[in-house]
Amino acid sequence: MRLRRLTYRARLCIVAASAVISLLPVAFIFLNSFMSSTESEMRYTSRVTPHSSLGLTSGSMHYVEMTFVPDLLSLSGYRQVLLQDPTHLRFLWNSLILAVPIIAGTLVISPLAAYGFERVRTKHKEKLFFAYILTMMLPMQVLLVPHFLAANFLGISRNYLAIILPAIFAPFGVFLIRQQMKGFDKSVIEAAKIDGASEFQIFKSIVLPNLKPTMTALMVLAFSEVWNLVDQAVVFIHETRHLPLSVHLSAVSSDSMVSVAFALSSLFMIPALIVFIYGQDNLAEGIGYTSFK
């Protein structure tokens, strides 16, 4: 009994330590977003400025001086982003323009495709499904080449559709939902067919209402993927004003606008946090269905 208690406490300590380590970058960004522009320039730029000239450590090079808590709390970063230069919010809007149709399309296409793979009786169905989900193992950088060729053929290589369409038909959602469908009681579906229900009626009235945990988990995971996309935006979006915020953040940081970068990063985390809080109850349960059969 004592050994079991010690084991439980050790596991609890490991989980708590992992959680703290994971939250450190988030806390660092959030707290530094309340740093004044003068202090952020002094701490996080290598350029020698009148504010950092007294802190030279070697020759004319000024090193980064990280801190969690600013010397003086300030809203200058948020003031510049929200009031003085709101053009930065355009890139947040671009991220939403990409994320909303991808999530909506995924939640429509994935359950329909999963139901088709599960219900259709064909000889080579499982081989086709295996080839379909095999693309999940390929890095995104490898898939960008055929995606670019297909988008160029369709004439959408400089359009948001070049990013939205491949993301909607990604195999992960189909795989995740089909795993839950494998655990359905087939007798219920057969009884509905005997009563005269069509396949669409069975899907709409029996299957779909029971997919809520997995659909919610898919929404959270798909949103986290598209909200942080970089490679696809760099390849397919050629105008700077159309880039998502995930790409714009790097440009802001390189321009030595550190206080703005911290404020934008904090705003960038808010939609992802809202989606996670909404779906946290069903996230673990939905992912757990992937272990069935």
C-alpha atoms as a PDB file:
ATOM      1  CA  MET A   1       0.000   0.000   0.000  1.00  0.00           C
ATOM      2  CA  ARG A   2       2.822   2.372   0.910  1.00  0.00           C
ATOM      3  CA  LEU A   3       4.678   1.555  -2.312  1.00  0.00           C
ATOM      4  CA  ARG A   4       1.547   2.276  -4.324  1.00  0.00           C
ATOM      5  CA  ARG A   5       1.142   5.626  -2.582  1.00  0.00           C
ATOM      6  CA  LEU A   6       4.757   6.545  -3.295  1.00  0.00           C
ATOM      7  CA  THR A   7       4.341   5.553  -6.918  1.00  0.00           C
ATOM      8  CA  TYR A   8       1.236   7.727  -7.194  1.00  0.00           C
ATOM      9  CA  ARG A   9       3.042  10.701  -5.670  1.00  0.00           C
ATOM     10  CA  ALA A  10       6.016  10.215  -7.981  1.00  0.00           C
ATOM     11  CA  ARG A  11       3.733  10.162 -11.017  1.00  0.00           C
ATOM     12  CA  LEU A  12       1.918  13.235  -9.729  1.00  0.00           C
ATOM     13  CA  CYS A  13       5.218  15.082  -9.330  1.00  0.00           C
ATOM     14  CA  ILE A  14       6.276  14.133 -12.857  1.00  0.00           C
ATOM     15  CA  VAL A  15       2.970  15.333 -14.309  1.00  0.00           C
ATOM     16  CA  ALA A  16       3.126  18.579 -12.313  1.00  0.00           C
ATOM     17  CA  ALA A  17       6.729  19.219 -13.387  1.00  0.00           C
ATOM     18  CA  SER A  18       5.830  18.551 -17.029  1.00  0.00           C
ATOM     19  CA  ALA A  19       2.892  20.957 -16.789  1.00  0.00           C
ATOM     20  CA  VAL A  20       5.059  23.696 -15.270  1.00  0.00           C
ATOM     21  CA  ILE A  21       7.744  23.250 -17.938  1.00  0.00           C
ATOM     22  CA  SER A  22       5.104  23.401 -20.679  1.00  0.00           C
ATOM     23  CA  LEU A  23       3.570  26.568 -19.247  1.00  0.00           C
ATOM     24  CA  LEU A  24       6.865  28.424 -18.823  1.00  0.00           C
ATOM     25  CA  PRO A  25       7.017  29.725 -22.445  1.00  0.00           C
ATOM     26  CA  VAL A  26       3.375  30.842 -22.233  1.00  0.00           C
ATOM     27  CA  ALA A  27       3.981  32.656 -18.954  1.00  0.00           C
ATOM     28  CA  PHE A  28       7.159  34.222 -20.350  1.00  0.00           C
ATOM     29  CA  ILE A  29       5.366  35.619 -23.413  1.00  0.00           C
ATOM     30  CA  PHE A  30       2.328  36.835 -21.452  1.00  0.00           C
ATOM     31  CA  LEU A  31       4.322  38.606 -18.719  1.00  0.00           C
ATOM     32  CA  ASN A  32       6.749  40.172 -21.184  1.00  0.00           C
ATOM     33  CA  SER A  33       3.840  41.540 -23.194  1.00  0.00           C
ATOM     34  CA  PHE A  34       3.431  44.084 -20.372  1.00  0.00           C
ATOM     35  CA  MET A  35       6.999  45.304 -20.841  1.00  0.00           C
ATOM     36  CA  SER A  36       7.633  48.832 -22.090  1.00  0.00           C
ATOM     37  CA  SER A  37       9.092  49.297 -25.566  1.00  0.00           C
ATOM     38  CA  THR A  38      12.225  50.883 -24.068  1.00  0.00           C
ATOM     39  CA  GLU A  39      12.907  47.961 -21.749  1.00  0.00           C
ATOM     40  CA  SER A  40      12.130  45.342 -24.400  1.00  0.00           C
ATOM     41  CA  GLU A  41      14.535  47.038 -26.818  1.00  0.00           C
ATOM     42  CA  MET A  42      17.176  47.169 -24.110  1.00  0.00           C
ATOM     43  CA  ARG A  43      16.767  43.512 -23.140  1.00  0.00           C
ATOM     44  CA  TYR A  44      15.985  41.641 -26.370  1.00  0.00           C
ATOM     45  CA  THR A  45      17.891  43.353 -29.165  1.00  0.00           C
ATOM     46  CA  SER A  46      21.577  42.979 -29.955  1.00  0.00           C
ATOM     47  CA  ARG A  47      21.778  46.529 -31.231  1.00  0.00           C
ATOM     48  CA  VAL A  48      23.554  49.036 -29.033  1.00  0.00           C
ATOM     49  CA  THR A  49      21.128  51.820 -28.173  1.00  0.00           C
ATOM     50  CA  PRO A  50      21.291  54.727 -25.737  1.00  0.00           C
ATOM     51  CA  HIS A  51      19.247  52.588 -23.339  1.00  0.00           C
ATOM     52  CA  SER A  52      21.538  49.549 -23.515  1.00  0.00           C
ATOM     53  CA  SER A  53      24.952  51.166 -23.953  1.00  0.00           C
ATOM     54  CA  LEU A  54      25.624  50.970 -20.219  1.00  0.00           C
ATOM     55  CA  GLY A  55      25.108  47.205 -20.259  1.00  0.00           C
ATOM     56  CA  LEU A  56      27.818  46.338 -22.762  1.00  0.00           C
ATOM     57  CA  THR A  57      29.590  43.113 -21.819  1.00  0.00           C
ATOM     58  CA  SER A  58      32.111  42.712 -24.610  1.00  0.00           C
ATOM     59  CA  GLY A  59      33.225  45.284 -27.140  1.00  0.00           C
ATOM     60  CA  SER A  60      30.203  46.707 -28.938  1.00  0.00           C
ATOM     61  CA  MET A  61      27.943  43.657 -28.538  1.00  0.00           C
ATOM     62  CA  HIS A  62      24.921  43.752 -26.273  1.00  0.00           C
ATOM     63  CA  TYR A  63      23.584  40.370 -25.124  1.00  0.00           C
ATOM     64  CA  VAL A  64      19.978  39.424 -24.414  1.00  0.00           C
ATOM     65  CA  GLU A  65      18.892  39.844 -20.800  1.00  0.00           C
ATOM     66  CA  MET A  66      15.803  37.690 -20.295  1.00  0.00           C
ATOM     67  CA  THR A  67      13.364  38.204 -17.456  1.00  0.00           C
ATOM     68  CA  PHE A  68       9.920  36.966 -16.497  1.00  0.00           C
ATOM     69  CA  VAL A  69       8.719  40.070 -14.676  1.00  0.00           C
ATOM     70  CA  PRO A  70       9.356  43.475 -16.321  1.00  0.00           C
ATOM     71  CA  ASP A  71      10.938  46.237 -14.288  1.00  0.00           C
ATOM     72  CA  LEU A  72       7.972  48.459 -15.086  1.00  0.00           C
ATOM     73  CA  LEU A  73       4.559  47.209 -16.188  1.00  0.00           C
ATOM     74  CA  SER A  74       3.297  48.918 -19.324  1.00  0.00           C
ATOM     75  CA  LEU A  75       0.542  48.505 -21.921  1.00  0.00           C
ATOM     76  CA  SER A  76       2.593  50.140 -24.674  1.00  0.00           C
ATOM     77  CA  GLY A  77       2.725  46.928 -26.742  1.00  0.00           C
ATOM     78  CA  TYR A  78      -1.043  46.429 -26.643  1.00  0.00           C
ATOM     79  CA  ARG A  79      -1.619  50.139 -27.201  1.00  0.00           C
ATOM     80  CA  GLN A  80       0.488  50.055 -30.353  1.00  0.00           C
ATOM     81  CA  VAL A  81      -1.183  46.897 -31.668  1.00  0.00           C
ATOM     82  CA  LEU A  82      -4.791  47.833 -30.889  1.00  0.00           C
ATOM     83  CA  LEU A  83      -4.781  51.629 -31.249  1.00  0.00           C
ATOM     84  CA  GLN A  84      -1.691  53.149 -32.805  1.00  0.00           C
ATOM     85  CA  ASP A  85      -1.022  50.593 -35.551  1.00  0.00           C
ATOM     86  CA  PRO A  86      -4.072  48.307 -35.914  1.00  0.00           C
ATOM     87  CA  THR A  87      -2.803  47.025 -39.272  1.00  0.00           C
ATOM     88  CA  HIS A  88      -1.260  44.180 -37.261  1.00  0.00           C
ATOM     89  CA  LEU A  89      -4.808  42.931 -36.562  1.00  0.00           C
ATOM     90  CA  ARG A  90      -5.247  42.392 -40.310  1.00  0.00           C
ATOM     91  CA  PHE A  91      -2.976  39.363 -40.004  1.00  0.00           C
ATOM     92  CA  LEU A  92      -5.081  37.995 -37.134  1.00  0.00           C
ATOM     93  CA  TRP A  93      -8.094  38.326 -39.415  1.00  0.00           C
ATOM     94  CA  ASN A  94      -6.192  36.480 -42.169  1.00  0.00           C
ATOM     95  CA  SER A  95      -5.594  33.592 -39.769  1.00  0.00           C
ATOM     96  CA  LEU A  96      -9.320  33.446 -39.015  1.00  0.00           C
ATOM     97  CA  ILE A  97     -10.165  33.514 -42.740  1.00  0.00           C
ATOM     98  CA  LEU A  98      -8.029  30.387 -43.136  1.00  0.00           C
ATOM     99  CA  ALA A  99      -9.075  28.612 -39.939  1.00  0.00           C
ATOM    100  CA  VAL A 100     -12.878  28.942 -40.076  1.00  0.00           C
ATOM    101  CA  PRO A 101     -13.522  27.317 -43.500  1.00  0.00           C
ATOM    102  CA  ILE A 102     -10.918  24.612 -42.832  1.00  0.00           C
ATOM    103  CA  ILE A 103     -12.532  23.635 -39.523  1.00  0.00           C
ATOM    104  CA  ALA A 104     -16.052  23.822 -40.956  1.00  0.00           C
ATOM    105  CA  GLY A 105     -15.093  21.792 -44.033  1.00  0.00           C
ATOM    106  CA  THR A 106     -13.249  19.199 -41.969  1.00  0.00           C
ATOM    107  CA  LEU A 107     -16.242  18.680 -39.664  1.00  0.00           C
ATOM    108  CA  VAL A 108     -18.451  18.079 -42.726  1.00  0.00           C
ATOM    109  CA  ILE A 109     -16.185  15.998 -44.967  1.00  0.00           C
ATOM    110  CA  SER A 110     -14.455  13.806 -42.368  1.00  0.00           C
ATOM    111  CA  PRO A 111     -17.571  12.116 -40.867  1.00  0.00           C
ATOM    112  CA  LEU A 112     -19.086  11.565 -44.311  1.00  0.00           C
ATOM    113  CA  ALA A 113     -15.877  10.013 -45.667  1.00  0.00           C
ATOM    114  CA  ALA A 114     -15.420   7.908 -42.513  1.00  0.00           C
ATOM    115  CA  TYR A 115     -18.997   6.622 -42.771  1.00  0.00           C
ATOM    116  CA  GLY A 116     -18.438   5.757 -46.420  1.00  0.00           C
ATOM    117  CA  PHE A 117     -15.256   3.813 -45.631  1.00  0.00           C
ATOM    118  CA  GLU A 118     -16.999   1.976 -42.800  1.00  0.00           C
ATOM    119  CA  ARG A 119     -20.276   1.115 -44.533  1.00  0.00           C
ATOM    120  CA  VAL A 120     -19.384   0.562 -48.186  1.00  0.00           C
ATOM    121  CA  ARG A 121     -18.642  -3.069 -49.018  1.00  0.00           C
ATOM    122  CA  THR A 122     -15.978  -3.266 -51.707  1.00  0.00           C
ATOM    123  CA  LYS A 123     -13.176  -5.739 -52.235  1.00  0.00           C
ATOM    124  CA  HIS A 124     -10.236  -3.351 -51.900  1.00  0.00           C
ATOM    125  CA  LYS A 125     -11.742  -0.896 -49.407  1.00  0.00           C
ATOM    126  CA  GLU A 126      -9.181  -1.506 -46.655  1.00  0.00           C
ATOM    127  CA  LYS A 127      -6.262  -1.253 -49.075  1.00  0.00           C
ATOM    128  CA  LEU A 128      -7.623   2.061 -50.322  1.00  0.00           C
ATOM    129  CA  PHE A 129      -8.078   3.293 -46.755  1.00  0.00           C
ATOM    130  CA  PHE A 130      -4.537   2.238 -45.857  1.00  0.00           C
ATOM    131  CA  ALA A 131      -3.144   4.148 -48.851  1.00  0.00           C
ATOM    132  CA  TYR A 132      -5.268   7.137 -47.842  1.00  0.00           C
ATOM    133  CA  ILE A 133      -4.042   7.335 -44.245  1.00  0.00           C
ATOM    134  CA  LEU A 134      -0.480   6.556 -45.313  1.00  0.00           C
ATOM    135  CA  THR A 135      -0.173  10.199 -46.297  1.00  0.00           C
ATOM    136  CA  MET A 136      -0.426  11.025 -42.578  1.00  0.00           C
ATOM    137  CA  MET A 137       3.112   9.671 -42.210  1.00  0.00           C
ATOM    138  CA  LEU A 138       4.559  12.010 -44.826  1.00  0.00           C
ATOM    139  CA  PRO A 139       6.019  15.363 -43.719  1.00  0.00           C
ATOM    140  CA  MET A 140       4.150  18.451 -44.809  1.00  0.00           C
ATOM    141  CA  GLN A 141       7.215  19.630 -46.747  1.00  0.00           C
ATOM    142  CA  VAL A 142       6.963  16.529 -48.955  1.00  0.00           C
ATOM    143  CA  LEU A 143       3.254  17.033 -49.620  1.00  0.00           C
ATOM    144  CA  LEU A 144       3.741  20.682 -50.557  1.00  0.00           C
ATOM    145  CA  VAL A 145       5.183  19.709 -53.956  1.00  0.00           C
ATOM    146  CA  PRO A 146       2.093  17.792 -55.234  1.00  0.00           C
ATOM    147  CA  HIS A 147      -0.155  20.371 -53.554  1.00  0.00           C
ATOM    148  CA  PHE A 148       1.607  23.148 -55.455  1.00  0.00           C
ATOM    149  CA  LEU A 149       1.382  21.284 -58.771  1.00  0.00           C
ATOM    150  CA  ALA A 150      -2.331  20.584 -58.268  1.00  0.00           C
ATOM    151  CA  ALA A 151      -3.027  24.183 -57.211  1.00  0.00           C
ATOM    152  CA  ASN A 152      -1.109  25.498 -60.207  1.00  0.00           C
ATOM    153  CA  PHE A 153      -3.107  23.216 -62.511  1.00  0.00           C
ATOM    154  CA  LEU A 154      -6.390  24.469 -61.006  1.00  0.00           C
ATOM    155  CA  GLY A 155      -5.242  28.102 -61.149  1.00  0.00           C
ATOM    156  CA  ILE A 156      -5.469  28.678 -57.398  1.00  0.00           C
ATOM    157  CA  SER A 157      -1.751  28.657 -56.527  1.00  0.00           C
ATOM    158  CA  ARG A 158      -1.946  32.281 -55.307  1.00  0.00           C
ATOM    159  CA  ASN A 159      -5.243  31.859 -53.485  1.00  0.00           C
ATOM    160  CA  TYR A 160      -6.305  30.831 -49.982  1.00  0.00           C
ATOM    161  CA  LEU A 161      -8.031  27.840 -51.595  1.00  0.00           C
ATOM    162  CA  ALA A 162      -4.607  26.287 -52.217  1.00  0.00           C
ATOM    163  CA  ILE A 163      -4.293  25.976 -48.430  1.00  0.00           C
ATOM    164  CA  ILE A 164      -7.944  25.390 -47.490  1.00  0.00           C
ATOM    165  CA  LEU A 165      -8.815  22.523 -49.856  1.00  0.00           C
ATOM    166  CA  PRO A 166      -5.931  20.132 -48.954  1.00  0.00           C
ATOM    167  CA  ALA A 167      -6.532  20.811 -45.255  1.00  0.00           C
ATOM    168  CA  ILE A 168     -10.248  19.980 -45.518  1.00  0.00           C
ATOM    169  CA  PHE A 169      -9.531  16.620 -47.147  1.00  0.00           C
ATOM    170  CA  ALA A 170      -6.691  15.690 -44.789  1.00  0.00           C
ATOM    171  CA  PRO A 171      -6.885  12.002 -43.734  1.00  0.00           C
ATOM    172  CA  PHE A 172      -6.450  12.509 -39.986  1.00  0.00           C
ATOM    173  CA  GLY A 173     -10.088  13.429 -39.348  1.00  0.00           C
ATOM    174  CA  VAL A 174     -11.355  10.479 -41.378  1.00  0.00           C
ATOM    175  CA  PHE A 175      -9.084   8.094 -39.491  1.00  0.00           C
ATOM    176  CA  LEU A 176     -10.075   9.487 -36.091  1.00  0.00           C
ATOM    177  CA  ILE A 177     -13.825   9.322 -36.709  1.00  0.00           C
ATOM    178  CA  ARG A 178     -13.759   5.906 -38.364  1.00  0.00           C
ATOM    179  CA  GLN A 179     -12.092   4.465 -35.283  1.00  0.00           C
ATOM    180  CA  GLN A 180     -15.127   5.449 -33.216  1.00  0.00           C
ATOM    181  CA  MET A 181     -17.501   4.089 -35.843  1.00  0.00           C
ATOM    182  CA  LYS A 182     -15.859   0.701 -35.490  1.00  0.00           C
ATOM    183  CA  GLY A 183     -17.216   0.571 -31.938  1.00  0.00           C
ATOM    184  CA  PHE A 184     -20.836   1.204 -32.949  1.00  0.00           C
ATOM    185  CA  ASP A 185     -23.408  -1.522 -32.358  1.00  0.00           C
ATOM    186  CA  LYS A 186     -24.060  -2.823 -35.869  1.00  0.00           C
ATOM    187  CA  SER A 187     -27.414  -4.306 -34.827  1.00  0.00           C
ATOM    188  CA  VAL A 188     -28.835  -0.815 -34.304  1.00  0.00           C
ATOM    189  CA  ILE A 189     -27.851   0.199 -37.812  1.00  0.00           C
ATOM    190  CA  GLU A 190     -29.241  -3.018 -39.289  1.00  0.00           C
ATOM    191  CA  ALA A 191     -32.507  -2.535 -37.400  1.00  0.00           C
ATOM    192  CA  ALA A 192     -32.815   0.972 -38.839  1.00  0.00           C
ATOM    193  CA  LYS A 193     -32.250  -0.406 -42.340  1.00  0.00           C
ATOM    194  CA  ILE A 194     -34.958  -3.009 -41.809  1.00  0.00           C
ATOM    195  CA  ASP A 195     -37.343  -0.223 -40.769  1.00  0.00           C
ATOM    196  CA  GLY A 196     -36.686   1.468 -44.105  1.00  0.00           C
ATOM    197  CA  ALA A 197     -34.186   4.138 -43.132  1.00  0.00           C
ATOM    198  CA  SER A 198     -31.817   5.266 -45.864  1.00  0.00           C
ATOM    199  CA  GLU A 199     -28.052   5.441 -45.385  1.00  0.00           C
ATOM    200  CA  PHE A 200     -28.211   9.218 -45.025  1.00  0.00           C
ATOM    201  CA  GLN A 201     -30.984   8.942 -42.413  1.00  0.00           C
ATOM    202  CA  ILE A 202     -28.925   6.397 -40.479  1.00  0.00           C
ATOM    203  CA  PHE A 203     -25.902   8.665 -40.634  1.00  0.00           C
ATOM    204  CA  LYS A 204     -27.833  11.771 -39.617  1.00  0.00           C
ATOM    205  CA  SER A 205     -30.053  10.309 -36.896  1.00  0.00           C
ATOM    206  CA  ILE A 206     -27.979   7.467 -35.416  1.00  0.00           C
ATOM    207  CA  VAL A 207     -24.294   7.845 -36.221  1.00  0.00           C
ATOM    208  CA  LEU A 208     -23.753  11.622 -36.172  1.00  0.00           C
ATOM    209  CA  PRO A 209     -25.302  12.306 -32.725  1.00  0.00           C
ATOM    210  CA  ASN A 210     -22.880   9.795 -31.195  1.00  0.00           C
ATOM    211  CA  LEU A 211     -19.807  11.409 -32.757  1.00  0.00           C
ATOM    212  CA  LYS A 212     -19.760  14.511 -30.534  1.00  0.00           C
ATOM    213  CA  PRO A 213     -16.649  13.598 -28.460  1.00  0.00           C
ATOM    214  CA  THR A 214     -14.586  12.696 -31.514  1.00  0.00           C
ATOM    215  CA  MET A 215     -15.857  15.643 -33.551  1.00  0.00           C
ATOM    216  CA  THR A 216     -14.945  18.014 -30.725  1.00  0.00           C
ATOM    217  CA  ALA A 217     -11.497  16.453 -30.408  1.00  0.00           C
ATOM    218  CA  LEU A 218     -11.045  16.774 -34.170  1.00  0.00           C
ATOM    219  CA  MET A 219     -12.061  20.425 -34.043  1.00  0.00           C
ATOM    220  CA  VAL A 220      -9.475  21.209 -31.341  1.00  0.00           C
ATOM    221  CA  LEU A 221      -6.658  19.299 -33.059  1.00  0.00           C
ATOM    222  CA  ALA A 222      -7.454  20.662 -36.524  1.00  0.00           C
ATOM    223  CA  PHE A 223      -7.634  24.226 -35.204  1.00  0.00           C
ATOM    224  CA  SER A 224      -4.260  23.924 -33.481  1.00  0.00           C
ATOM    225  CA  GLU A 225      -2.779  22.649 -36.746  1.00  0.00           C
ATOM    226  CA  VAL A 226      -4.158  25.344 -39.030  1.00  0.00           C
ATOM    227  CA  TRP A 227      -3.699  28.168 -36.511  1.00  0.00           C
ATOM    228  CA  ASN A 228       0.053  27.526 -36.478  1.00  0.00           C
ATOM    229  CA  LEU A 229       0.613  26.859 -40.180  1.00  0.00           C
ATOM    230  CA  VAL A 230       3.703  28.459 -41.693  1.00  0.00           C
ATOM    231  CA  ASP A 231       5.037  26.388 -44.604  1.00  0.00           C
ATOM    232  CA  GLN A 232       1.817  26.458 -46.634  1.00  0.00           C
ATOM    233  CA  ALA A 233       1.420  30.211 -46.194  1.00  0.00           C
ATOM    234  CA  VAL A 234       5.019  30.901 -47.277  1.00  0.00           C
ATOM    235  CA  VAL A 235       4.593  28.801 -50.433  1.00  0.00           C
ATOM    236  CA  PHE A 236       1.111  29.842 -51.575  1.00  0.00           C
ATOM    237  CA  ILE A 237       0.666  33.418 -50.284  1.00  0.00           C
ATOM    238  CA  HIS A 238       2.812  35.935 -52.122  1.00  0.00           C
ATOM    239  CA  GLU A 239       1.391  39.232 -50.820  1.00  0.00           C
ATOM    240  CA  THR A 240       2.537  40.258 -47.370  1.00  0.00           C
ATOM    241  CA  ARG A 241      -0.830  41.763 -46.421  1.00  0.00           C
ATOM    242  CA  HIS A 242      -2.523  38.362 -46.918  1.00  0.00           C
ATOM    243  CA  LEU A 243      -0.199  36.400 -44.634  1.00  0.00           C
ATOM    244  CA  PRO A 244      -1.567  34.828 -41.433  1.00  0.00           C
ATOM    245  CA  LEU A 245      -0.398  36.057 -38.057  1.00  0.00           C
ATOM    246  CA  SER A 246       1.693  32.904 -37.534  1.00  0.00           C
ATOM    247  CA  VAL A 247       4.006  34.108 -40.322  1.00  0.00           C
ATOM    248  CA  HIS A 248       3.745  37.812 -39.562  1.00  0.00           C
ATOM    249  CA  LEU A 249       5.081  37.263 -36.038  1.00  0.00           C
ATOM    250  CA  SER A 250       8.512  36.349 -37.375  1.00  0.00           C
ATOM    251  CA  ALA A 251       8.640  39.538 -39.449  1.00  0.00           C
ATOM    252  CA  VAL A 252       7.679  41.655 -36.437  1.00  0.00           C
ATOM    253  CA  SER A 253      10.395  40.048 -34.317  1.00  0.00           C
ATOM    254  CA  SER A 254      13.038  40.591 -36.986  1.00  0.00           C
ATOM    255  CA  ASP A 255      12.139  44.291 -37.166  1.00  0.00           C
ATOM    256  CA  SER A 256      13.147  44.680 -33.515  1.00  0.00           C
ATOM    257  CA  MET A 257       9.554  45.497 -32.528  1.00  0.00           C
ATOM    258  CA  VAL A 258       9.862  43.201 -29.550  1.00  0.00           C
ATOM    259  CA  SER A 259       7.117  44.736 -27.409  1.00  0.00           C
ATOM    260  CA  VAL A 260       4.695  44.468 -30.347  1.00  0.00           C
ATOM    261  CA  ALA A 261       5.784  40.876 -30.954  1.00  0.00           C
ATOM    262  CA  PHE A 262       5.043  39.925 -27.336  1.00  0.00           C
ATOM    263  CA  ALA A 263       1.625  41.602 -27.433  1.00  0.00           C
ATOM    264  CA  LEU A 264       0.717  39.992 -30.750  1.00  0.00           C
ATOM    265  CA  SER A 265       1.863  36.580 -29.476  1.00  0.00           C
ATOM    266  CA  SER A 266      -0.405  36.933 -26.455  1.00  0.00           C
ATOM    267  CA  LEU A 267      -3.369  37.879 -28.667  1.00  0.00           C
ATOM    268  CA  PHE A 268      -2.461  35.011 -30.986  1.00  0.00           C
ATOM    269  CA  MET A 269      -2.859  32.525 -28.117  1.00  0.00           C
ATOM    270  CA  ILE A 270      -6.368  33.666 -27.139  1.00  0.00           C
ATOM    271  CA  PRO A 271      -8.395  31.928 -29.935  1.00  0.00           C
ATOM    272  CA  ALA A 272      -6.491  28.664 -29.414  1.00  0.00           C
ATOM    273  CA  LEU A 273      -7.103  28.891 -25.667  1.00  0.00           C
ATOM    274  CA  ILE A 274     -10.828  29.485 -26.208  1.00  0.00           C
ATOM    275  CA  VAL A 275     -11.108  26.482 -28.525  1.00  0.00           C
ATOM    276  CA  PHE A 276      -9.202  24.259 -26.092  1.00  0.00           C
ATOM    277  CA  ILE A 277     -11.343  25.316 -23.109  1.00  0.00           C
ATOM    278  CA  TYR A 278     -14.486  24.608 -25.135  1.00  0.00           C
ATOM    279  CA  GLY A 279     -13.330  21.137 -26.180  1.00  0.00           C
ATOM    280  CA  GLN A 280     -11.260  19.979 -23.210  1.00  0.00           C
ATOM    281  CA  ASP A 281     -14.038  17.803 -21.755  1.00  0.00           C
ATOM    282  CA  ASN A 282     -14.322  15.766 -24.950  1.00  0.00           C
ATOM    283  CA  LEU A 283     -10.703  15.908 -26.107  1.00  0.00           C
ATOM    284  CA  ALA A 284      -9.332  12.941 -24.137  1.00  0.00           C
ATOM    285  CA  GLU A 285     -12.486  10.887 -24.702  1.00  0.00           C
ATOM    286  CA  GLY A 286     -12.484  11.536 -28.436  1.00  0.00           C
ATOM    287  CA  ILE A 287      -8.833  10.605 -28.835  1.00  0.00           C
ATOM    288  CA  GLY A 288      -9.406   7.530 -26.704  1.00  0.00           C
ATOM    289  CA  TYR A 289     -11.664   6.042 -29.376  1.00  0.00           C
ATOM    290  CA  THR A 290      -8.641   5.576 -31.633  1.00  0.00           C
ATOM    291  CA  SER A 291      -7.650   2.581 -29.472  1.00  0.00           C
ATOM    292  CA  PHE A 292     -10.831   0.680 -30.305  1.00  0.00           C
ATOM    293  CA  LYS A 293     -10.444  -2.419 -32.467  1.00  0.00           C
END
